[in-house]
Amino acid sequence: MTTKIHAIVDALGNPVALTLTPGQAHDITQAVPLLDQVEPEALLADKGYDSDALVAELEERGITPVIPSKANRTQPRKTDFALYRERNLVERFFCQIKQYRAIATRYDKLANTFLAAVTQPQGNFVMNLNFRRNTNPNAPAITGRISTPEDPETTFAFSAFAQSDKNGEAYWIGPVDMNRTMRQALNTQQVPNTHFVSIRENGFKVFRELHDGSANPAYTKLSDAEEKANDTKPAYWANWTRTENDPQLRASAWERDPSRYGPWASGNTQHPISKEEAAALKAGKADVVAMNAPEPAAAVPPPPRRAKADARDRA
């Protein structure tokens, strides 16, 4: 007997839904159970998922099916093959996890124990959207707390200030306070370019409110199906750059109903690499590359040939 892993990955290639079946089970039998765990805007799958029942289910949920038609279809459906190219992410996910013997050949008796080796650990990410309120303009636009997947219970405070990139788009960036006590804060010197968080809005999401708190006209024009699909998208993406030897963490957050402290959002953090690679990186193994390694110094270009010729002529 063998075990088959069924998975849905997001646009970054991270698993968001997983199930297990006996090895002889067809892939399409787990399509709907996996979709019950997520609500994507589009589903990219191979020809094995080309089923009238599944396509009808997707269209009923407002999910765009990006599934090539089988050769025996009398009327092939139109497929966005430019988008279909991104399906390589799920194949790369399986290629990555199958490198580990405990996953390629199942040794665990319990299903939850076996899945624990595949599922990435997650930390916590909570932020207060201070810029949505009329507060002190000199105060941080976003404050919150963040934790690592290795130790999700230990949170660290951060403050982020508004900035604009070269395209005029807003983002927020600021330090993460890694000090647990006042004594530690007094005796620790901050290393430049370490432990800072950068936050951006999800450019593919239509927000209910604008930055000034007023209603967004574009959101009111959405249909019920579009509104439901839009609300499932994360509102903010973030990167936590730690030290040169620690992998960078990614975070995503969804807006929540305002509390007594005002608008806020929460989500999780996770590694952009597998937890096995993260453990190897922490152990200092040479075959793992740091996610935050500094860029190599730019090489000095050689002088143009004409300059060499002129110098030779003058000599």
Protein backbone atom coordinates (compact mmCIF):
# COMPACT_ATOMS: atom_id res chain seq x y z
CA MET A 1 0.00 0.00 0.00
CA THR A 2 1.15 3.53 -0.81
CA THR A 3 0.03 7.00 0.24
CA LYS A 4 -0.74 9.88 -2.12
CA ILE A 5 -0.43 13.53 -1.07
CA HIS A 6 -2.90 15.97 -2.62
CA ALA A 7 -2.11 19.68 -2.34
CA ILE A 8 -3.09 23.19 -3.35
CA VAL A 9 -0.32 25.80 -3.31
CA ASP A 10 -0.64 29.58 -3.46
CA ALA A 11 0.98 32.01 -5.88
CA LEU A 12 4.26 31.73 -3.94
CA GLY A 13 4.34 27.93 -4.09
CA ASN A 14 3.49 27.49 -0.40
CA PRO A 15 1.00 24.71 0.50
CA VAL A 16 -2.37 26.03 1.69
CA ALA A 17 -4.41 22.81 1.65
CA LEU A 18 -3.32 19.17 2.01
CA THR A 19 -5.05 15.80 2.13
CA LEU A 20 -3.97 12.15 2.10
CA THR A 21 -5.51 9.20 0.26
CA PRO A 22 -4.48 5.64 -0.60
CA GLY A 23 -2.14 5.53 -3.58
CA GLN A 24 -4.74 4.08 -5.95
CA ALA A 25 -7.19 7.00 -5.48
CA HIS A 26 -7.66 9.34 -8.43
CA ASP A 27 -6.47 12.92 -8.01
CA ILE A 28 -9.84 14.46 -8.87
CA THR A 29 -11.53 12.79 -5.89
CA GLN A 30 -9.82 15.31 -3.58
CA ALA A 31 -10.42 18.45 -5.65
CA VAL A 32 -13.59 19.55 -3.83
CA PRO A 33 -12.35 18.63 -0.31
CA LEU A 34 -9.22 20.71 -0.95
CA LEU A 35 -11.24 23.64 -2.32
CA ASP A 36 -13.36 23.57 0.84
CA GLN A 37 -10.21 24.66 2.73
CA VAL A 38 -9.46 27.66 0.49
CA GLU A 39 -11.30 30.04 -1.83
CA PRO A 40 -8.94 30.92 -4.70
CA GLU A 41 -9.61 33.31 -7.55
CA ALA A 42 -8.52 30.70 -10.12
CA LEU A 43 -7.62 26.99 -10.04
CA LEU A 44 -4.74 25.75 -12.19
CA ALA A 45 -4.76 21.98 -12.75
CA ASP A 46 -3.72 19.45 -15.37
CA LYS A 47 -5.96 17.47 -17.75
CA GLY A 48 -6.66 14.88 -15.06
CA TYR A 49 -9.02 17.43 -13.49
CA ASP A 50 -10.95 18.10 -16.70
CA SER A 51 -14.40 17.06 -15.48
CA ASP A 52 -17.76 18.67 -16.24
CA ALA A 53 -18.81 18.26 -12.59
CA LEU A 54 -15.65 19.95 -11.27
CA VAL A 55 -15.79 22.78 -13.81
CA ALA A 56 -19.43 23.41 -12.89
CA GLU A 57 -18.51 23.44 -9.19
CA LEU A 58 -15.74 25.98 -9.84
CA GLU A 59 -17.97 28.26 -11.90
CA GLU A 60 -20.68 28.10 -9.23
CA ARG A 61 -18.14 29.25 -6.62
CA GLY A 62 -16.85 32.05 -8.86
CA ILE A 63 -13.46 30.33 -9.35
CA THR A 64 -11.93 30.52 -12.82
CA PRO A 65 -10.98 27.02 -14.06
CA VAL A 66 -7.60 27.01 -15.81
CA ILE A 67 -7.67 23.35 -16.87
CA PRO A 68 -6.73 22.17 -20.40
CA SER A 69 -9.34 20.02 -22.11
CA LYS A 70 -8.77 16.31 -22.65
CA ALA A 71 -8.10 15.09 -26.18
CA ASN A 72 -11.42 13.23 -26.29
CA ARG A 73 -13.55 16.35 -25.68
CA THR A 74 -15.75 17.09 -28.69
CA GLN A 75 -15.86 20.80 -27.77
CA PRO A 76 -12.61 21.83 -26.04
CA ARG A 77 -12.92 24.67 -23.56
CA LYS A 78 -10.83 27.85 -23.81
CA THR A 79 -7.81 27.84 -21.50
CA ASP A 80 -5.59 30.74 -20.42
CA PHE A 81 -2.28 29.03 -21.16
CA ALA A 82 -0.29 32.11 -20.13
CA LEU A 83 -1.69 31.69 -16.61
CA TYR A 84 -1.49 27.88 -16.85
CA ARG A 85 2.31 28.16 -17.02
CA GLU A 86 2.29 29.01 -13.30
CA ARG A 87 1.13 25.46 -12.52
CA ASN A 88 4.82 24.56 -12.30
CA LEU A 89 4.70 25.83 -8.70
CA VAL A 90 2.79 22.79 -7.46
CA GLU A 91 5.10 20.43 -9.35
CA ARG A 92 8.12 22.14 -7.79
CA PHE A 93 6.51 21.80 -4.37
CA PHE A 94 6.19 18.02 -4.77
CA CYS A 95 9.69 17.80 -6.25
CA GLN A 96 11.03 19.60 -3.19
CA ILE A 97 9.31 17.52 -0.52
CA LYS A 98 10.06 14.21 -2.29
CA GLN A 99 13.78 14.82 -1.72
CA TYR A 100 13.23 13.75 1.89
CA ARG A 101 13.08 10.00 2.39
CA ALA A 102 10.53 10.19 5.21
CA ILE A 103 8.10 11.84 2.79
CA ALA A 104 8.98 9.98 -0.41
CA THR A 105 8.59 6.68 1.47
CA ARG A 106 6.08 6.92 4.29
CA TYR A 107 7.29 5.57 7.63
CA ASP A 108 4.75 7.26 9.93
CA LYS A 109 1.74 5.25 11.01
CA LEU A 110 -0.59 8.17 11.75
CA ALA A 111 -1.77 10.52 9.00
CA ASN A 112 -1.40 13.67 11.12
CA THR A 113 2.20 12.72 11.95
CA PHE A 114 2.98 12.20 8.28
CA LEU A 115 1.39 15.51 7.28
CA ALA A 116 3.35 17.34 9.98
CA ALA A 117 6.52 16.71 7.96
CA VAL A 118 4.96 18.39 4.92
CA THR A 119 3.10 21.32 6.44
CA GLN A 120 5.14 24.44 7.04
CA PRO A 121 5.07 25.85 10.59
CA GLN A 122 3.48 29.28 11.02
CA GLY A 123 3.96 32.17 13.39
CA ASN A 124 1.59 35.00 14.35
CA PHE A 125 1.29 38.43 12.76
CA VAL A 126 -0.95 41.18 14.18
CA MET A 127 -0.86 44.84 13.20
CA ASN A 128 -2.79 47.98 14.16
CA LEU A 129 -3.59 50.21 11.17
CA ASN A 130 -2.92 53.54 12.88
CA PHE A 131 -2.89 55.41 9.57
CA ARG A 132 -6.63 54.70 9.26
CA ARG A 133 -7.26 56.88 12.31
CA ASN A 134 -6.74 60.60 12.98
CA THR A 135 -3.75 60.23 15.29
CA ASN A 136 -0.42 61.92 15.78
CA PRO A 137 1.18 62.25 12.29
CA ASN A 138 4.62 61.65 13.83
CA ALA A 139 3.56 58.32 15.33
CA PRO A 140 4.20 55.02 13.48
CA ALA A 141 1.62 54.38 10.78
CA ILE A 142 1.49 50.67 11.70
CA THR A 143 2.35 48.97 14.98
CA GLY A 144 1.97 45.35 15.94
CA ARG A 145 3.52 42.10 17.07
CA ILE A 146 5.12 39.28 15.11
CA SER A 147 6.49 35.83 15.96
CA THR A 148 8.57 33.17 14.24
CA PRO A 149 7.25 29.79 13.07
CA GLU A 150 9.78 28.10 15.36
CA ASP A 151 8.38 29.81 18.47
CA PRO A 152 4.93 31.25 17.69
CA GLU A 153 4.16 32.01 21.35
CA THR A 154 7.06 34.48 21.70
CA THR A 155 6.05 37.72 19.98
CA PHE A 156 8.12 40.81 19.18
CA ALA A 157 6.87 44.37 18.79
CA PHE A 158 7.44 46.32 15.59
CA SER A 159 6.74 49.82 14.31
CA ALA A 160 6.48 50.73 10.63
CA PHE A 161 6.49 54.19 9.03
CA ALA A 162 5.01 55.24 5.69
CA GLN A 163 7.30 55.48 2.67
CA SER A 164 6.89 55.69 -1.12
CA ASP A 165 8.79 53.69 -3.70
CA LYS A 166 10.09 55.02 -7.03
CA ASN A 167 6.68 54.36 -8.62
CA GLY A 168 4.89 56.43 -5.98
CA GLU A 169 3.28 53.38 -4.34
CA ALA A 170 3.01 53.43 -0.56
CA TYR A 171 4.66 50.91 1.73
CA TRP A 172 5.60 50.79 5.40
CA ILE A 173 8.94 49.85 6.91
CA GLY A 174 10.35 49.83 10.43
CA PRO A 175 12.35 47.96 13.10
CA VAL A 176 11.42 44.83 15.03
CA ASP A 177 12.29 45.09 18.74
CA MET A 178 14.06 41.83 19.63
CA ASN A 179 14.78 42.84 23.23
CA ARG A 180 12.78 40.99 25.87
CA THR A 181 13.82 43.11 28.89
CA MET A 182 15.02 46.64 29.61
CA ARG A 183 18.43 45.27 30.67
CA GLN A 184 18.75 43.49 27.33
CA ALA A 185 17.81 46.68 25.49
CA LEU A 186 20.48 48.68 27.31
CA ASN A 187 23.21 46.10 26.69
CA THR A 188 22.38 45.24 23.07
CA GLN A 189 23.59 47.24 20.09
CA GLN A 190 21.42 47.13 17.00
CA VAL A 191 23.17 45.67 13.94
CA PRO A 192 22.40 47.75 10.82
CA ASN A 193 20.11 46.25 8.18
CA THR A 194 18.82 43.50 10.49
CA HIS A 195 15.46 42.82 12.11
CA PHE A 196 13.17 45.11 10.18
CA VAL A 197 9.74 44.52 8.64
CA SER A 198 8.43 45.91 5.35
CA ILE A 199 4.69 45.88 4.59
CA ARG A 200 2.76 46.42 1.36
CA GLU A 201 -0.88 46.35 0.40
CA ASN A 202 -2.10 43.49 -1.76
CA GLY A 203 -2.34 45.13 -5.18
CA PHE A 204 -4.78 42.45 -6.38
CA LYS A 205 -7.36 43.23 -3.69
CA VAL A 206 -10.16 45.84 -3.76
CA PHE A 207 -10.35 47.36 -0.26
CA ARG A 208 -13.64 48.25 1.41
CA GLU A 209 -12.24 51.53 2.69
CA LEU A 210 -9.72 54.05 1.43
CA HIS A 211 -6.81 55.22 3.58
CA ASP A 212 -8.87 58.10 4.98
CA GLY A 213 -11.54 55.68 6.21
CA SER A 214 -14.14 56.57 3.58
CA ALA A 215 -15.95 53.89 1.55
CA ASN A 216 -14.21 52.69 -1.60
CA PRO A 217 -16.50 53.24 -4.64
CA ALA A 218 -14.80 50.40 -6.52
CA TYR A 219 -15.78 47.92 -3.78
CA THR A 220 -19.48 48.83 -4.01
CA LYS A 221 -19.48 47.93 -7.72
CA LEU A 222 -18.46 44.31 -7.05
CA SER A 223 -21.02 41.56 -7.46
CA ASP A 224 -21.81 39.22 -4.56
CA ALA A 225 -19.56 36.51 -6.02
CA GLU A 226 -16.72 38.98 -6.67
CA GLU A 227 -17.10 40.44 -3.19
CA LYS A 228 -16.89 36.99 -1.60
CA ALA A 229 -13.79 36.06 -3.61
CA ASN A 230 -12.19 39.45 -2.92
CA ASP A 231 -12.70 39.24 0.86
CA THR A 232 -10.75 35.97 1.01
CA LYS A 233 -7.59 37.64 -0.33
CA PRO A 234 -4.97 38.85 2.15
CA ALA A 235 -4.99 42.62 2.62
CA TYR A 236 -1.27 43.00 3.35
CA TRP A 237 1.98 41.22 2.54
CA ALA A 238 5.07 41.63 4.71
CA ASN A 239 8.71 40.53 4.85
CA TRP A 240 10.64 40.21 8.09
CA THR A 241 14.36 40.50 7.40
CA ARG A 242 16.22 39.07 10.36
CA THR A 243 19.97 38.43 10.41
CA GLU A 244 22.30 37.28 7.67
CA ASN A 245 22.21 33.72 9.05
CA ASP A 246 18.44 33.51 9.60
CA PRO A 247 16.01 32.98 6.72
CA GLN A 248 13.73 35.83 5.84
CA LEU A 249 10.10 35.35 6.89
CA ARG A 250 7.03 36.19 4.85
CA ALA A 251 3.76 37.29 6.38
CA SER A 252 0.19 37.82 5.22
CA ALA A 253 -2.66 39.52 7.05
CA TRP A 254 -6.41 39.91 6.58
CA GLU A 255 -8.37 42.95 7.73
CA ARG A 256 -10.63 42.41 10.75
CA ASP A 257 -13.63 44.28 12.11
CA PRO A 258 -12.43 47.37 14.01
CA SER A 259 -11.89 46.90 17.74
CA ARG A 260 -11.86 49.57 20.43
CA TYR A 261 -8.30 50.32 19.32
CA GLY A 262 -9.42 50.93 15.74
CA PRO A 263 -8.79 49.13 12.43
CA TRP A 264 -6.48 46.14 12.58
CA ALA A 265 -5.38 43.07 10.62
CA SER A 266 -3.96 39.68 11.54
CA GLY A 267 -2.47 36.64 9.83
CA ASN A 268 0.60 34.46 10.02
CA THR A 269 4.29 34.25 9.18
CA GLN A 270 6.04 31.38 7.46
CA HIS A 271 9.34 30.43 5.86
CA PRO A 272 9.71 30.82 2.10
CA ILE A 273 11.75 27.63 2.38
CA SER A 274 10.91 24.24 3.86
CA LYS A 275 11.30 23.69 7.58
CA GLU A 276 14.01 21.10 6.85
CA GLU A 277 16.03 23.74 5.00
CA ALA A 278 15.41 26.22 7.80
CA ALA A 279 16.69 23.69 10.36
CA ALA A 280 19.75 22.99 8.22
CA LEU A 281 20.40 26.71 7.89
CA LYS A 282 20.16 27.13 11.66
CA ALA A 283 22.62 24.25 12.12
CA GLY A 284 25.09 26.02 9.86
CA LYS A 285 25.26 23.43 7.09
CA ALA A 286 27.28 24.67 4.15
CA ASP A 287 24.91 23.42 1.45
CA VAL A 288 22.14 25.84 2.46
CA VAL A 289 22.27 29.44 1.26
CA ALA A 290 21.14 32.24 3.57
CA MET A 291 18.01 34.03 2.43
CA ASN A 292 19.30 37.43 3.53
CA ALA A 293 22.89 37.13 2.32
CA PRO A 294 24.31 40.53 1.32
CA GLU A 295 24.63 41.27 -2.36
CA PRO A 296 28.15 40.83 -3.77
CA ALA A 297 30.06 44.01 -4.45
CA ALA A 298 29.67 45.28 -7.99
CA ALA A 299 32.68 44.58 -10.16
CA VAL A 300 34.55 47.62 -11.53
CA PRO A 301 34.08 47.63 -15.32
CA PRO A 302 37.28 47.67 -17.40
CA PRO A 303 38.09 50.91 -19.24
CA PRO A 304 36.95 51.09 -22.86
CA ARG A 305 39.36 49.94 -25.57
CA ARG A 306 39.68 53.41 -27.05
CA ALA A 307 41.03 54.73 -23.74
CA LYS A 308 43.69 51.99 -23.68
CA ALA A 309 44.69 52.81 -27.24
CA ASP A 310 44.95 56.53 -26.47
CA ALA A 311 47.13 55.86 -23.43
CA ARG A 312 49.40 53.63 -25.53
CA ASP A 313 49.70 56.31 -28.25
CA ARG A 314 50.59 59.00 -25.70
CA ALA A 315 53.31 56.76 -24.25
